[in-house]
Amino acid sequence: MNNLTIEITMDGFRLLAKYYEAKVTFLYLDEIKGEEELLNVLTTSQFLGNGQLVDEIKGLID
């Protein structure tokens, strides 16, 4: 997904791709690394005012 969105200039799509990449890492590969990645996406989501993504990430890491 990262490669598919590399040329997209719309930040929302890139952020969503980063979110799903972090979610897969968190749930299936490396929980600690995935949580760090999710927290980075969370910070950006909060800055951009993406409340739905903020809620999803908080639900995962809580």
PDB file of N, CA and C in Angstrom:
ATOM      1  N   MET A   1       0.825  -1.180   0.000  1.00  0.00           N
ATOM      2  CA  MET A   1       0.000   0.000   0.000  1.00  0.00           C
ATOM      3  C   MET A   1       0.874   1.250   0.000  1.00  0.00           C
ATOM      4  N   ASN A   2       1.979   1.174   0.690  1.00  0.00           N
ATOM      5  CA  ASN A   2       2.891   2.317   0.735  1.00  0.00           C
ATOM      6  C   ASN A   2       3.344   2.696  -0.672  1.00  0.00           C
ATOM      7  N   ASN A   3       3.702   1.705  -1.473  1.00  0.00           N
ATOM      8  CA  ASN A   3       4.158   1.966  -2.832  1.00  0.00           C
ATOM      9  C   ASN A   3       3.048   2.531  -3.705  1.00  0.00           C
ATOM     10  N   LEU A   4       1.824   2.106  -3.467  1.00  0.00           N
ATOM     11  CA  LEU A   4       0.698   2.592  -4.255  1.00  0.00           C
ATOM     12  C   LEU A   4       0.385   4.050  -3.976  1.00  0.00           C
ATOM     13  N   THR A   5       0.678   4.516  -2.778  1.00  0.00           N
ATOM     14  CA  THR A   5       0.308   5.884  -2.402  1.00  0.00           C
ATOM     15  C   THR A   5       1.485   6.856  -2.422  1.00  0.00           C
ATOM     16  N   ILE A   6       2.642   6.411  -2.836  1.00  0.00           N
ATOM     17  CA  ILE A   6       3.842   7.246  -2.770  1.00  0.00           C
ATOM     18  C   ILE A   6       3.710   8.524  -3.607  1.00  0.00           C
ATOM     19  N   GLU A   7       3.005   8.457  -4.722  1.00  0.00           N
ATOM     20  CA  GLU A   7       2.862   9.614  -5.594  1.00  0.00           C
ATOM     21  C   GLU A   7       1.623  10.448  -5.283  1.00  0.00           C
ATOM     22  N   ILE A   8       0.785  10.009  -4.378  1.00  0.00           N
ATOM     23  CA  ILE A   8      -0.443  10.725  -4.058  1.00  0.00           C
ATOM     24  C   ILE A   8      -0.113  11.926  -3.187  1.00  0.00           C
ATOM     25  N   THR A   9      -0.602  13.080  -3.580  1.00  0.00           N
ATOM     26  CA  THR A   9      -0.313  14.287  -2.823  1.00  0.00           C
ATOM     27  C   THR A   9      -1.357  14.552  -1.746  1.00  0.00           C
ATOM     28  N   MET A  10      -2.458  13.838  -1.768  1.00  0.00           N
ATOM     29  CA  MET A  10      -3.500  14.038  -0.767  1.00  0.00           C
ATOM     30  C   MET A  10      -3.079  13.342   0.525  1.00  0.00           C
ATOM     31  N   ASP A  11      -2.829  14.127   1.549  1.00  0.00           N
ATOM     32  CA  ASP A  11      -2.291  13.608   2.803  1.00  0.00           C
ATOM     33  C   ASP A  11      -3.189  12.578   3.463  1.00  0.00           C
ATOM     34  N   GLY A  12      -4.477  12.687   3.296  1.00  0.00           N
ATOM     35  CA  GLY A  12      -5.392  11.748   3.931  1.00  0.00           C
ATOM     36  C   GLY A  12      -5.177  10.320   3.474  1.00  0.00           C
ATOM     37  N   PHE A  13      -4.922  10.125   2.190  1.00  0.00           N
ATOM     38  CA  PHE A  13      -4.691   8.781   1.670  1.00  0.00           C
ATOM     39  C   PHE A  13      -3.356   8.227   2.158  1.00  0.00           C
ATOM     40  N   ARG A  14      -2.344   9.074   2.180  1.00  0.00           N
ATOM     41  CA  ARG A  14      -1.035   8.630   2.690  1.00  0.00           C
ATOM     42  C   ARG A  14      -1.137   8.268   4.165  1.00  0.00           C
ATOM     43  N   LEU A  15      -1.867   9.075   4.911  1.00  0.00           N
ATOM     44  CA  LEU A  15      -2.034   8.817   6.335  1.00  0.00           C
ATOM     45  C   LEU A  15      -2.773   7.503   6.560  1.00  0.00           C
ATOM     46  N   LEU A  16      -3.792   7.254   5.757  1.00  0.00           N
ATOM     47  CA  LEU A  16      -4.542   6.006   5.868  1.00  0.00           C
ATOM     48  C   LEU A  16      -3.659   4.805   5.542  1.00  0.00           C
ATOM     49  N   ALA A  17      -2.811   4.943   4.534  1.00  0.00           N
ATOM     50  CA  ALA A  17      -1.882   3.865   4.189  1.00  0.00           C
ATOM     51  C   ALA A  17      -0.924   3.600   5.346  1.00  0.00           C
ATOM     52  N   LYS A  18      -0.406   4.663   5.955  1.00  0.00           N
ATOM     53  CA  LYS A  18       0.486   4.514   7.109  1.00  0.00           C
ATOM     54  C   LYS A  18      -0.245   3.845   8.275  1.00  0.00           C
ATOM     55  N   TYR A  19      -1.508   4.211   8.457  1.00  0.00           N
ATOM     56  CA  TYR A  19      -2.302   3.624   9.532  1.00  0.00           C
ATOM     57  C   TYR A  19      -2.439   2.115   9.339  1.00  0.00           C
ATOM     58  N   TYR A  20      -2.821   1.692   8.139  1.00  0.00           N
ATOM     59  CA  TYR A  20      -3.012   0.254   7.908  1.00  0.00           C
ATOM     60  C   TYR A  20      -1.691  -0.508   8.003  1.00  0.00           C
ATOM     61  N   GLU A  21      -0.625   0.087   7.545  1.00  0.00           N
ATOM     62  CA  GLU A  21       0.690  -0.548   7.671  1.00  0.00           C
ATOM     63  C   GLU A  21       1.048  -0.727   9.150  1.00  0.00           C
ATOM     64  N   ALA A  22       0.828   0.306   9.948  1.00  0.00           N
ATOM     65  CA  ALA A  22       1.114   0.237  11.383  1.00  0.00           C
ATOM     66  C   ALA A  22       0.192  -0.755  12.086  1.00  0.00           C
ATOM     67  N   LYS A  23      -1.062  -0.797  11.654  1.00  0.00           N
ATOM     68  CA  LYS A  23      -2.033  -1.716  12.267  1.00  0.00           C
ATOM     69  C   LYS A  23      -1.627  -3.168  12.029  1.00  0.00           C
ATOM     70  N   VAL A  24      -1.231  -3.487  10.810  1.00  0.00           N
ATOM     71  CA  VAL A  24      -0.785  -4.850  10.505  1.00  0.00           C
ATOM     72  C   VAL A  24       0.455  -5.198  11.320  1.00  0.00           C
ATOM     73  N   THR A  25       1.389  -4.268  11.400  1.00  0.00           N
ATOM     74  CA  THR A  25       2.599  -4.492  12.199  1.00  0.00           C
ATOM     75  C   THR A  25       2.227  -4.735  13.652  1.00  0.00           C
ATOM     76  N   PHE A  26       1.348  -3.917  14.195  1.00  0.00           N
ATOM     77  CA  PHE A  26       0.931  -4.015  15.591  1.00  0.00           C
ATOM     78  C   PHE A  26       0.223  -5.335  15.886  1.00  0.00           C
ATOM     79  N   LEU A  27      -0.701  -5.730  15.014  1.00  0.00           N
ATOM     80  CA  LEU A  27      -1.518  -6.917  15.284  1.00  0.00           C
ATOM     81  C   LEU A  27      -0.826  -8.236  14.958  1.00  0.00           C
ATOM     82  N   TYR A  28       0.044  -8.235  13.956  1.00  0.00           N
ATOM     83  CA  TYR A  28       0.552  -9.517  13.464  1.00  0.00           C
ATOM     84  C   TYR A  28       2.070  -9.684  13.477  1.00  0.00           C
ATOM     85  N   LEU A  29       2.833  -8.598  13.515  1.00  0.00           N
ATOM     86  CA  LEU A  29       4.274  -8.739  13.355  1.00  0.00           C
ATOM     87  C   LEU A  29       5.076  -8.371  14.594  1.00  0.00           C
ATOM     88  N   ASP A  30       4.948  -7.134  15.021  1.00  0.00           N
ATOM     89  CA  ASP A  30       5.766  -6.639  16.135  1.00  0.00           C
ATOM     90  C   ASP A  30       4.944  -5.591  16.886  1.00  0.00           C
ATOM     91  N   GLU A  31       4.384  -5.998  18.009  1.00  0.00           N
ATOM     92  CA  GLU A  31       3.458  -5.135  18.745  1.00  0.00           C
ATOM     93  C   GLU A  31       4.097  -3.813  19.184  1.00  0.00           C
ATOM     94  N   ILE A  32       5.329  -3.872  19.643  1.00  0.00           N
ATOM     95  CA  ILE A  32       5.984  -2.652  20.121  1.00  0.00           C
ATOM     96  C   ILE A  32       6.251  -1.685  18.972  1.00  0.00           C
ATOM     97  N   LYS A  33       6.825  -2.192  17.898  1.00  0.00           N
ATOM     98  CA  LYS A  33       7.097  -1.343  16.735  1.00  0.00           C
ATOM     99  C   LYS A  33       5.785  -0.810  16.151  1.00  0.00           C
ATOM    100  N   GLY A  34       4.779  -1.664  16.065  1.00  0.00           N
ATOM    101  CA  GLY A  34       3.485  -1.253  15.531  1.00  0.00           C
ATOM    102  C   GLY A  34       2.840  -0.170  16.370  1.00  0.00           C
ATOM    103  N   GLU A  35       2.973  -0.280  17.689  1.00  0.00           N
ATOM    104  CA  GLU A  35       2.413   0.748  18.564  1.00  0.00           C
ATOM    105  C   GLU A  35       3.112   2.089  18.360  1.00  0.00           C
ATOM    106  N   GLU A  36       4.426   2.046  18.202  1.00  0.00           N
ATOM    107  CA  GLU A  36       5.170   3.280  17.933  1.00  0.00           C
ATOM    108  C   GLU A  36       4.692   3.927  16.639  1.00  0.00           C
ATOM    109  N   GLU A  37       4.506   3.111  15.616  1.00  0.00           N
ATOM    110  CA  GLU A  37       4.032   3.619  14.332  1.00  0.00           C
ATOM    111  C   GLU A  37       2.613   4.171  14.458  1.00  0.00           C
ATOM    112  N   LEU A  38       1.764   3.461  15.201  1.00  0.00           N
ATOM    113  CA  LEU A  38       0.393   3.939  15.414  1.00  0.00           C
ATOM    114  C   LEU A  38       0.380   5.271  16.152  1.00  0.00           C
ATOM    115  N   LEU A  39       1.269   5.425  17.119  1.00  0.00           N
ATOM    116  CA  LEU A  39       1.327   6.684  17.854  1.00  0.00           C
ATOM    117  C   LEU A  39       1.778   7.837  16.963  1.00  0.00           C
ATOM    118  N   ASN A  40       2.668   7.561  16.014  1.00  0.00           N
ATOM    119  CA  ASN A  40       3.068   8.586  15.053  1.00  0.00           C
ATOM    120  C   ASN A  40       1.890   8.997  14.178  1.00  0.00           C
ATOM    121  N   VAL A  41       1.132   8.015  13.718  1.00  0.00           N
ATOM    122  CA  VAL A  41      -0.048   8.303  12.903  1.00  0.00           C
ATOM    123  C   VAL A  41      -1.087   9.039  13.740  1.00  0.00           C
ATOM    124  N   LEU A  42      -1.216   8.660  14.999  1.00  0.00           N
ATOM    125  CA  LEU A  42      -2.164   9.316  15.906  1.00  0.00           C
ATOM    126  C   LEU A  42      -1.837  10.802  16.044  1.00  0.00           C
ATOM    127  N   THR A  43      -0.574  11.112  16.237  1.00  0.00           N
ATOM    128  CA  THR A  43      -0.159  12.510  16.373  1.00  0.00           C
ATOM    129  C   THR A  43      -0.524  13.315  15.121  1.00  0.00           C
ATOM    130  N   THR A  44      -0.239  12.759  13.977  1.00  0.00           N
ATOM    131  CA  THR A  44      -0.560  13.433  12.717  1.00  0.00           C
ATOM    132  C   THR A  44      -2.067  13.565  12.542  1.00  0.00           C
ATOM    133  N   SER A  45      -2.799  12.520  12.876  1.00  0.00           N
ATOM    134  CA  SER A  45      -4.262  12.547  12.757  1.00  0.00           C
ATOM    135  C   SER A  45      -4.871  13.618  13.651  1.00  0.00           C
ATOM    136  N   GLN A  46      -4.339  13.730  14.852  1.00  0.00           N
ATOM    137  CA  GLN A  46      -4.835  14.769  15.756  1.00  0.00           C
ATOM    138  C   GLN A  46      -4.551  16.153  15.195  1.00  0.00           C
ATOM    139  N   PHE A  47      -3.360  16.337  14.653  1.00  0.00           N
ATOM    140  CA  PHE A  47      -2.981  17.625  14.076  1.00  0.00           C
ATOM    141  C   PHE A  47      -3.892  18.003  12.902  1.00  0.00           C
ATOM    142  N   LEU A  48      -4.230  17.007  12.076  1.00  0.00           N
ATOM    143  CA  LEU A  48      -5.064  17.251  10.906  1.00  0.00           C
ATOM    144  C   LEU A  48      -6.562  17.252  11.230  1.00  0.00           C
ATOM    145  N   GLY A  49      -6.903  16.891  12.469  1.00  0.00           N
ATOM    146  CA  GLY A  49      -8.306  16.885  12.881  1.00  0.00           C
ATOM    147  C   GLY A  49      -9.101  15.708  12.347  1.00  0.00           C
ATOM    148  N   ASN A  50      -8.436  14.581  12.137  1.00  0.00           N
ATOM    149  CA  ASN A  50      -9.113  13.380  11.650  1.00  0.00           C
ATOM    150  C   ASN A  50      -9.592  12.557  12.845  1.00  0.00           C
ATOM    151  N   GLY A  51     -10.751  12.931  13.379  1.00  0.00           N
ATOM    152  CA  GLY A  51     -11.280  12.320  14.586  1.00  0.00           C
ATOM    153  C   GLY A  51     -11.575  10.844  14.464  1.00  0.00           C
ATOM    154  N   GLN A  52     -12.046  10.411  13.302  1.00  0.00           N
ATOM    155  CA  GLN A  52     -12.364   8.999  13.121  1.00  0.00           C
ATOM    156  C   GLN A  52     -11.112   8.136  13.233  1.00  0.00           C
ATOM    157  N   LEU A  53     -10.040   8.576  12.616  1.00  0.00           N
ATOM    158  CA  LEU A  53      -8.788   7.822  12.690  1.00  0.00           C
ATOM    159  C   LEU A  53      -8.213   7.862  14.095  1.00  0.00           C
ATOM    160  N   VAL A  54      -8.327   9.001  14.760  1.00  0.00           N
ATOM    161  CA  VAL A  54      -7.883   9.117  16.155  1.00  0.00           C
ATOM    162  C   VAL A  54      -8.607   8.100  17.016  1.00  0.00           C
ATOM    163  N   ASP A  55      -9.922   8.005  16.864  1.00  0.00           N
ATOM    164  CA  ASP A  55     -10.713   7.061  17.655  1.00  0.00           C
ATOM    165  C   ASP A  55     -10.331   5.617  17.369  1.00  0.00           C
ATOM    166  N   GLU A  56     -10.099   5.295  16.095  1.00  0.00           N
ATOM    167  CA  GLU A  56      -9.712   3.923  15.736  1.00  0.00           C
ATOM    168  C   GLU A  56      -8.377   3.540  16.354  1.00  0.00           C
ATOM    169  N   ILE A  57      -7.418   4.449  16.288  1.00  0.00           N
ATOM    170  CA  ILE A  57      -6.085   4.160  16.827  1.00  0.00           C
ATOM    171  C   ILE A  57      -6.150   4.021  18.342  1.00  0.00           C
ATOM    172  N   LYS A  58      -6.865   4.914  18.995  1.00  0.00           N
ATOM    173  CA  LYS A  58      -6.995   4.824  20.449  1.00  0.00           C
ATOM    174  C   LYS A  58      -7.662   3.509  20.862  1.00  0.00           C
ATOM    175  N   GLY A  59      -8.638   3.080  20.075  1.00  0.00           N
ATOM    176  CA  GLY A  59      -9.302   1.811  20.356  1.00  0.00           C
ATOM    177  C   GLY A  59      -8.371   0.628  20.233  1.00  0.00           C
ATOM    178  N   LEU A  60      -7.432   0.706  19.322  1.00  0.00           N
ATOM    179  CA  LEU A  60      -6.465  -0.390  19.128  1.00  0.00           C
ATOM    180  C   LEU A  60      -5.447  -0.453  20.260  1.00  0.00           C
ATOM    181  N   ILE A  61      -4.926   0.693  20.655  1.00  0.00           N
ATOM    182  CA  ILE A  61      -3.811   0.664  21.605  1.00  0.00           C
ATOM    183  C   ILE A  61      -4.253   0.706  23.063  1.00  0.00           C
ATOM    184  N   ASP A  62      -5.508   0.935  23.307  1.00  0.00           N
ATOM    185  CA  ASP A  62      -5.995   0.947  24.701  1.00  0.00           C
ATOM    186  C   ASP A  62      -6.230  -0.441  25.219  1.00  0.00           C
TER     187      ASP A  62
END
